[in-house]
């Protein structure tokens, strides 16, 4: 296909790219999937307390998923989930609950839910997993610095690893953010919309210029066929 044919097609694909971008979540929530160097942590117990620090990227933190793993033949007791805000090297309690160990182990993941924290954005938190008491329950983690916003915490020390975890909070699409901005700061919102339209129109001008270029003549002196 000649340049004159595929360039207009590319121009009409730009709105499709806009739609995809506007439908995408406006923030990336903290989390770490299991990597190649995955491992089971030591099981929770009197001498093992696990945790994971993370920095929130939006408001409304309301749940955290962890991924339990069998750490022994018997799974008994309770697991206490403790969420703290880390502020000036101090731990400020934010949420806590106790769950039967067998309930935590009932699926591939367990979700710790709590009342939404409305102003969680840009704050650092630590989730602690504590035997209350419990036996035979461990969690999946990955060695290395896979998640840059925090690290695995075990018995009072940060480790060179991360728990496998996911956080849950409202993450509206880019379009949703733009509509909110239109309500709170309409001038800025319309400037952003105008910028999107201006880029598309400028690309259209480039397309028009490229398609207006006459074809190069071949060695016979006749214009090359499209």
Protein backbone atom coordinates (compact mmCIF):
# COMPACT_ATOMS: atom_id res chain seq x y z
CA UNK A 1 0.00 0.00 0.00
CA UNK A 2 1.36 3.43 -0.90
CA UNK A 3 2.04 6.24 1.54
CA UNK A 4 -0.96 8.15 0.17
CA UNK A 5 -3.22 5.30 1.22
CA UNK A 6 -1.96 4.23 4.63
CA UNK A 7 -1.31 7.69 6.12
CA UNK A 8 -5.03 8.67 6.20
CA UNK A 9 -5.81 5.28 7.75
CA UNK A 10 -3.26 5.98 10.48
CA UNK A 11 -4.86 9.38 11.08
CA UNK A 12 -8.28 7.83 11.61
CA UNK A 13 -6.74 5.38 14.07
CA UNK A 14 -5.75 8.26 16.36
CA UNK A 15 -9.29 8.61 17.82
CA UNK A 16 -9.21 4.89 18.59
CA UNK A 17 -5.96 5.41 20.50
CA UNK A 18 -7.59 8.34 22.33
CA UNK A 19 -10.53 6.13 23.36
CA UNK A 20 -8.20 3.44 24.70
CA UNK A 21 -6.15 5.99 26.66
CA UNK A 22 -9.23 7.71 28.10
CA UNK A 23 -10.72 4.37 29.18
CA UNK A 24 -7.53 3.30 30.98
CA UNK A 25 -7.29 3.66 34.80
CA UNK A 26 -5.90 7.01 35.82
CA UNK A 27 -3.53 5.53 38.44
CA UNK A 28 -1.53 2.37 38.93
CA UNK A 29 -2.36 0.81 42.28
CA UNK A 30 0.43 -0.65 44.44
CA UNK A 31 0.96 -4.38 44.16
CA UNK A 32 3.37 -7.11 43.22
CA UNK A 33 2.63 -10.30 41.32
CA UNK A 34 4.73 -13.38 41.80
CA UNK A 35 7.96 -13.36 39.85
CA UNK A 36 10.40 -16.07 38.80
CA UNK A 37 12.21 -16.00 42.15
CA UNK A 38 9.08 -16.73 44.14
CA UNK A 39 9.22 -18.42 47.50
CA UNK A 40 7.08 -19.36 50.47
CA UNK A 41 7.80 -17.27 53.52
CA UNK A 42 8.45 -19.02 56.83
CA UNK A 43 5.11 -19.82 58.48
CA UNK A 44 3.64 -17.34 60.92
CA UNK A 45 4.30 -18.11 64.56
CA UNK A 46 5.59 -16.68 67.82
CA UNK A 47 8.95 -16.00 66.17
CA UNK A 48 7.74 -14.89 62.76
CA UNK A 49 5.77 -11.75 62.00
CA UNK A 50 5.46 -10.70 58.35
CA UNK A 51 4.55 -7.43 56.70
CA UNK A 52 4.69 -5.37 53.52
CA UNK A 53 5.11 -1.63 53.16
CA UNK A 54 3.63 0.29 50.24
CA UNK A 55 2.90 3.85 49.16
CA UNK A 56 -0.63 4.60 48.02
CA UNK A 57 -1.23 6.32 44.70
CA UNK A 58 -4.84 7.38 45.22
CA UNK A 59 -7.45 7.98 47.91
CA UNK A 60 -9.97 5.47 49.21
CA UNK A 61 -7.78 2.48 50.11
CA UNK A 62 -10.25 -0.16 51.33
CA UNK A 63 -8.81 -3.66 50.82
CA UNK A 64 -5.59 -5.61 50.40
CA UNK A 65 -5.15 -9.05 48.83
CA UNK A 66 -2.45 -11.46 50.00
CA UNK A 67 -1.60 -14.92 48.70
CA UNK A 68 -1.39 -17.63 51.37
CA UNK A 69 0.70 -20.77 51.07
CA UNK A 70 0.75 -23.92 53.13
CA UNK A 71 3.53 -23.83 55.70
CA UNK A 72 2.89 -27.14 57.45
CA UNK A 73 0.66 -30.18 57.75
CA UNK A 74 -1.72 -28.57 60.26
CA UNK A 75 -3.47 -25.27 59.62
CA UNK A 76 -4.98 -24.02 62.86
CA UNK A 77 -5.49 -20.84 64.82
CA UNK A 78 -6.17 -17.26 63.79
CA UNK A 79 -4.31 -14.73 61.65
CA UNK A 80 -4.41 -11.09 62.66
CA UNK A 81 -4.26 -8.50 59.88
CA UNK A 82 -2.91 -5.16 61.08
CA UNK A 83 -2.72 -2.09 58.84
CA UNK A 84 -0.59 0.85 59.94
CA UNK A 85 0.24 4.20 58.48
CA UNK A 86 3.98 4.83 58.62
CA UNK A 87 4.51 8.44 59.61
CA UNK A 88 7.84 9.86 60.81
CA UNK A 89 9.05 6.32 61.54
CA UNK A 90 6.01 5.73 63.77
CA UNK A 91 3.27 3.16 63.19
CA UNK A 92 -0.23 4.61 63.46
CA UNK A 93 -3.00 1.95 63.57
CA UNK A 94 -5.41 2.21 60.63
CA UNK A 95 -7.32 -1.11 60.61
CA UNK A 96 -7.19 -4.57 62.16
CA UNK A 97 -9.09 -7.87 62.09
CA UNK A 98 -8.64 -11.51 63.05
CA UNK A 99 -9.48 -14.35 60.66
CA UNK A 100 -9.45 -18.11 61.03
CA UNK A 101 -6.31 -19.51 59.43
CA UNK A 102 -8.38 -22.05 57.52
CA UNK A 103 -10.48 -19.22 56.05
CA UNK A 104 -7.34 -17.41 54.92
CA UNK A 105 -6.19 -20.64 53.26
CA UNK A 106 -9.57 -21.37 51.63
CA UNK A 107 -8.58 -19.87 48.25
CA UNK A 108 -5.56 -18.77 46.22
CA UNK A 109 -5.85 -15.29 47.71
CA UNK A 110 -7.41 -13.65 50.74
CA UNK A 111 -8.81 -10.12 50.81
CA UNK A 112 -8.48 -8.03 53.96
CA UNK A 113 -11.29 -5.46 53.80
CA UNK A 114 -11.73 -2.41 56.01
CA UNK A 115 -13.42 0.98 56.10
CA UNK A 116 -12.15 3.15 53.23
CA UNK A 117 -9.35 5.57 54.09
CA UNK A 118 -10.47 8.73 52.23
CA UNK A 119 -7.11 10.54 52.23
CA UNK A 120 -4.76 7.61 51.62
CA UNK A 121 -3.00 9.10 48.61
CA UNK A 122 0.78 9.64 48.97
CA UNK A 123 0.78 8.00 52.40
CA UNK A 124 2.93 5.01 53.32
CA UNK A 125 1.30 1.99 54.92
CA UNK A 126 2.44 -1.33 56.33
CA UNK A 127 0.34 -4.46 56.41
CA UNK A 128 1.39 -6.88 59.15
CA UNK A 129 0.42 -10.57 59.26
CA UNK A 130 0.56 -11.99 62.76
CA UNK A 131 -0.16 -15.43 64.26
CA UNK A 132 -2.88 -14.93 66.84
CA UNK A 133 -1.83 -17.71 67.36
CA UNK A 134 -1.71 -19.67 64.10
CA UNK A 135 0.14 -22.68 62.76
CA UNK A 136 0.92 -23.90 59.26
CA UNK A 137 0.20 -20.73 57.28
CA UNK A 138 2.79 -18.92 55.15
CA UNK A 139 2.54 -16.47 52.23
CA UNK A 140 3.94 -16.15 48.74
CA UNK A 141 6.67 -13.59 48.07
CA UNK A 142 9.34 -12.82 45.48
CA UNK A 143 12.99 -12.03 46.03
CA UNK A 144 14.37 -8.73 44.74
CA UNK A 145 13.16 -5.16 44.34
CA UNK A 146 10.09 -5.87 42.22
CA UNK A 147 7.96 -3.22 43.93
CA UNK A 148 9.82 0.06 44.36
CA UNK A 149 7.36 1.62 46.83
CA UNK A 150 8.02 -0.74 49.72
CA UNK A 151 9.42 -4.09 50.79
CA UNK A 152 8.80 -7.27 52.73
CA UNK A 153 9.08 -6.73 56.47
CA UNK A 154 9.93 -9.64 58.76
CA UNK A 155 10.60 -9.55 62.49
CA UNK A 156 11.46 -5.87 62.60
CA UNK A 157 13.62 -5.71 59.47
CA UNK A 158 13.02 -4.86 55.83
CA UNK A 159 14.06 -7.69 53.52
CA UNK A 160 15.23 -7.80 49.92
CA UNK A 161 11.88 -9.15 48.73
CA UNK A 162 8.20 -8.29 48.39
CA UNK A 163 5.06 -10.10 49.42
CA UNK A 164 2.71 -10.89 46.58
CA UNK A 165 -0.10 -8.40 47.22
CA UNK A 166 -2.69 -6.17 45.60
CA UNK A 167 -4.47 -3.13 47.03
CA UNK A 168 -7.97 -1.97 46.18
CA UNK A 169 -9.09 1.64 45.86
CA UNK A 170 -11.18 3.63 43.39
CA UNK A 171 -9.15 4.15 40.22
CA UNK A 172 -11.43 6.06 37.82
CA UNK A 173 -10.59 6.16 34.15
CA UNK A 174 -8.72 9.08 32.63
CA UNK A 175 -12.06 10.18 31.13
CA UNK A 176 -13.67 10.07 34.58
CA UNK A 177 -10.86 12.21 35.98
CA UNK A 178 -11.34 14.64 33.12
CA UNK A 179 -15.06 14.92 33.84
CA UNK A 180 -14.33 15.54 37.52
CA UNK A 181 -11.82 18.20 36.52
CA UNK A 182 -14.48 19.78 34.31
CA UNK A 183 -16.68 20.20 37.38
CA UNK A 184 -13.93 21.55 39.63
CA UNK A 185 -11.75 23.45 37.16
CA UNK A 186 -13.57 23.78 33.82
CA UNK A 187 -10.92 26.03 32.24
CA UNK A 188 -8.17 23.45 32.73
CA UNK A 189 -10.44 20.61 31.59
CA UNK A 190 -11.34 22.38 28.35
CA UNK A 191 -7.69 23.23 27.73
CA UNK A 192 -6.87 19.52 27.93
CA UNK A 193 -9.74 18.66 25.57
CA UNK A 194 -8.65 21.37 23.15
CA UNK A 195 -5.09 20.01 23.24
CA UNK A 196 -6.33 16.54 22.23
CA UNK A 197 -8.30 18.04 19.36
CA UNK A 198 -5.41 20.29 18.26
CA UNK A 199 -3.03 17.32 18.11
CA UNK A 200 -5.50 15.40 15.95
CA UNK A 201 -6.02 18.38 13.61
CA UNK A 202 -2.26 18.96 13.30
CA UNK A 203 -1.82 15.32 12.38
CA UNK A 204 -4.57 15.81 9.79
CA UNK A 205 -2.62 18.71 8.33
CA UNK A 206 0.48 16.53 8.12
CA UNK A 207 -1.57 13.79 6.44
CA UNK A 208 -2.95 16.27 3.91
CA UNK A 209 0.54 17.54 3.14
CA UNK A 210 1.95 14.03 2.67
CA UNK A 211 -0.89 12.87 0.45
CA UNK A 212 -0.53 16.00 -1.71
CA UNK A 213 3.07 15.15 -2.60
CA UNK A 214 3.09 13.88 -6.21
CA UNK A 215 4.51 10.39 -6.80
CA UNK A 216 8.13 10.10 -7.85
CA UNK A 217 8.70 9.34 -11.55
CA UNK A 218 10.17 5.96 -12.40
CA UNK A 219 13.23 5.44 -14.60
CA UNK A 220 11.08 5.99 -17.71
CA UNK A 221 10.04 9.41 -16.54
CA UNK A 222 6.47 8.40 -15.85
CA UNK A 223 4.96 8.74 -12.37
CA UNK A 224 5.18 5.57 -10.37
CA UNK A 225 1.87 3.77 -9.94
CA UNK A 226 0.37 3.85 -6.47
